[in-house]
Amino acid sequence: MKKFSIAWYQANPDFVREQNAIYDSKRPSHWHSKGSKDYWRTKVQAHKIRAEKLNRLPRWADEQAIEKVFRDAPDNVEIDHIIPLQGANVSGLHIASNLQYLTTKENGRKHNNFEPRRSIIYRAEISLF
């Protein structure tokens, strides 16, 4: 594979743009804007592909419920697995009841950890409403 310098890319913007368009047409982007009709579908597919690779999407999983969790997500939140798919001591499933909304800061703090007490409290709060 031939490597090009930054100067070459800057000197040939039309060629680079054309090659990028060819690349994008062959591989649908997972970064559609939220307003586009395919945004949630691609986001769900990205998570589904990731979960399938990890063998964490059971056959009995309700894919419509999972899609609803993604579709109904408020702005400025990330969708996180309560029980991580690749935790150190435990691994969960990619199912709707294992998904939660977290802010970016909370999700970064949680990382791949699982806190059973927090999970029980979180589920109890949900069942109260």
Protein backbone atom coordinates (compact mmCIF):
# COMPACT_ATOMS: atom_id res chain seq x y z
CA MET A 1 0.00 0.00 0.00
CA LYS A 2 1.37 3.35 -1.03
CA LYS A 3 1.56 5.95 1.75
CA PHE A 4 0.94 9.58 0.98
CA SER A 5 2.12 12.61 2.90
CA ILE A 6 -0.11 15.30 4.34
CA ALA A 7 1.23 17.65 1.66
CA TRP A 8 0.10 15.21 -1.06
CA TYR A 9 -3.43 15.09 0.41
CA GLN A 10 -3.55 18.88 0.55
CA ALA A 11 -2.33 19.15 -3.04
CA ASN A 12 -4.95 16.63 -4.34
CA PRO A 13 -8.22 17.44 -2.53
CA ASP A 14 -10.46 16.41 -5.45
CA PHE A 15 -8.92 12.95 -5.68
CA VAL A 16 -9.15 12.47 -1.91
CA ARG A 17 -12.81 13.60 -1.87
CA GLU A 18 -13.62 11.21 -4.73
CA GLN A 19 -11.94 8.25 -3.01
CA ASN A 20 -13.68 9.05 0.28
CA ALA A 21 -17.06 9.07 -1.52
CA ILE A 22 -16.32 5.64 -3.02
CA TYR A 23 -15.33 4.32 0.40
CA ASP A 24 -18.45 5.76 2.07
CA SER A 25 -20.77 4.35 -0.59
CA LYS A 26 -19.47 0.83 0.07
CA ARG A 27 -19.65 1.13 3.86
CA PRO A 28 -22.72 2.84 5.32
CA SER A 29 -21.78 5.28 8.02
CA HIS A 30 -22.83 4.75 11.62
CA TRP A 31 -22.57 8.47 12.26
CA HIS A 32 -25.75 9.78 10.63
CA SER A 33 -27.22 12.89 12.17
CA LYS A 34 -30.01 12.33 14.71
CA GLY A 35 -32.51 13.84 12.30
CA SER A 36 -31.94 11.24 9.58
CA LYS A 37 -34.29 8.27 9.29
CA ASP A 38 -31.42 5.77 9.55
CA TYR A 39 -29.79 7.21 12.69
CA TRP A 40 -31.34 4.86 15.25
CA ARG A 41 -31.24 1.86 12.92
CA THR A 42 -27.49 2.23 12.35
CA LYS A 43 -26.87 2.88 16.04
CA VAL A 44 -28.80 -0.25 17.01
CA GLN A 45 -27.04 -2.26 14.30
CA ALA A 46 -23.63 -1.14 15.53
CA HIS A 47 -24.44 -2.32 19.06
CA LYS A 48 -26.03 -5.53 17.74
CA ILE A 49 -22.95 -6.35 15.67
CA ARG A 50 -20.74 -5.69 18.69
CA ALA A 51 -22.92 -7.88 20.90
CA GLU A 52 -23.06 -10.69 18.35
CA LYS A 53 -19.30 -10.68 18.15
CA LEU A 54 -19.25 -11.16 21.87
CA ASN A 55 -21.95 -13.85 21.70
CA ARG A 56 -24.08 -11.86 24.09
CA LEU A 57 -27.26 -11.46 22.04
CA PRO A 58 -29.47 -14.45 22.89
CA ARG A 59 -31.93 -15.83 20.35
CA TRP A 60 -34.84 -14.99 22.64
CA ALA A 61 -33.88 -11.31 22.92
CA ASP A 62 -36.63 -8.87 21.94
CA GLU A 63 -34.87 -6.81 19.28
CA GLN A 64 -37.80 -4.37 19.02
CA ALA A 65 -37.50 -3.60 22.74
CA ILE A 66 -33.76 -3.02 22.32
CA GLU A 67 -34.43 -0.71 19.39
CA LYS A 68 -37.00 1.20 21.47
CA VAL A 69 -34.41 1.80 24.20
CA PHE A 70 -32.10 3.37 21.62
CA ARG A 71 -34.86 5.32 19.89
CA ASP A 72 -36.24 6.76 23.14
CA ALA A 73 -32.85 7.81 24.50
CA PRO A 74 -32.77 11.45 25.60
CA ASP A 75 -30.18 13.78 24.13
CA ASN A 76 -26.74 13.95 25.75
CA VAL A 77 -26.85 10.43 27.21
CA GLU A 78 -25.08 7.21 26.36
CA ILE A 79 -26.64 3.77 26.40
CA ASP A 80 -24.77 1.48 28.74
CA HIS A 81 -25.06 -2.16 29.75
CA ILE A 82 -25.89 -2.44 33.46
CA ILE A 83 -24.02 -5.74 33.61
CA PRO A 84 -21.07 -5.22 31.23
CA LEU A 85 -20.69 -7.48 28.21
CA GLN A 86 -17.03 -8.01 29.06
CA GLY A 87 -16.78 -7.50 32.80
CA ALA A 88 -13.91 -8.84 34.87
CA ASN A 89 -16.07 -10.99 37.16
CA VAL A 90 -19.41 -11.09 35.36
CA SER A 91 -20.68 -10.70 31.81
CA GLY A 92 -24.21 -9.70 30.85
CA LEU A 93 -26.44 -10.02 27.82
CA HIS A 94 -27.39 -7.51 25.15
CA ILE A 95 -31.06 -7.34 26.09
CA ALA A 96 -33.38 -4.41 26.79
CA SER A 97 -33.53 -4.98 30.56
CA ASN A 98 -29.72 -4.78 30.73
CA LEU A 99 -29.55 -1.32 29.11
CA GLN A 100 -29.54 2.00 30.91
CA TYR A 101 -29.02 5.67 30.12
CA LEU A 102 -25.93 7.34 31.58
CA THR A 103 -24.27 10.67 31.01
CA THR A 104 -20.88 10.55 29.34
CA LYS A 105 -19.21 11.35 32.66
CA GLU A 106 -21.07 8.57 34.53
CA ASN A 107 -20.40 6.06 31.76
CA GLY A 108 -16.70 6.90 31.77
CA ARG A 109 -16.58 6.47 35.53
CA LYS A 110 -18.43 3.13 35.37
CA HIS A 111 -16.24 1.71 32.59
CA ASN A 112 -16.55 -2.12 32.54
CA ASN A 113 -17.41 -2.41 36.21
CA PHE A 114 -20.52 -3.87 37.79
CA GLU A 115 -21.85 -2.73 41.14
CA PRO A 116 -24.62 -5.13 42.27
CA ARG A 117 -25.97 -2.78 44.95
CA ARG A 118 -26.27 0.10 42.50
CA SER A 119 -28.05 -2.17 40.04
CA ILE A 120 -30.58 -3.31 42.66
CA ILE A 121 -31.27 0.28 43.75
CA TYR A 122 -31.58 1.42 40.12
CA ARG A 123 -34.09 -1.35 39.32
CA ALA A 124 -36.06 -0.61 42.52
CA GLU A 125 -36.34 3.06 41.52
CA ILE A 126 -37.66 2.06 38.11
CA SER A 127 -40.26 -0.30 39.58
CA LEU A 128 -41.59 2.45 41.89
CA PHE A 129 -42.80 4.51 38.95
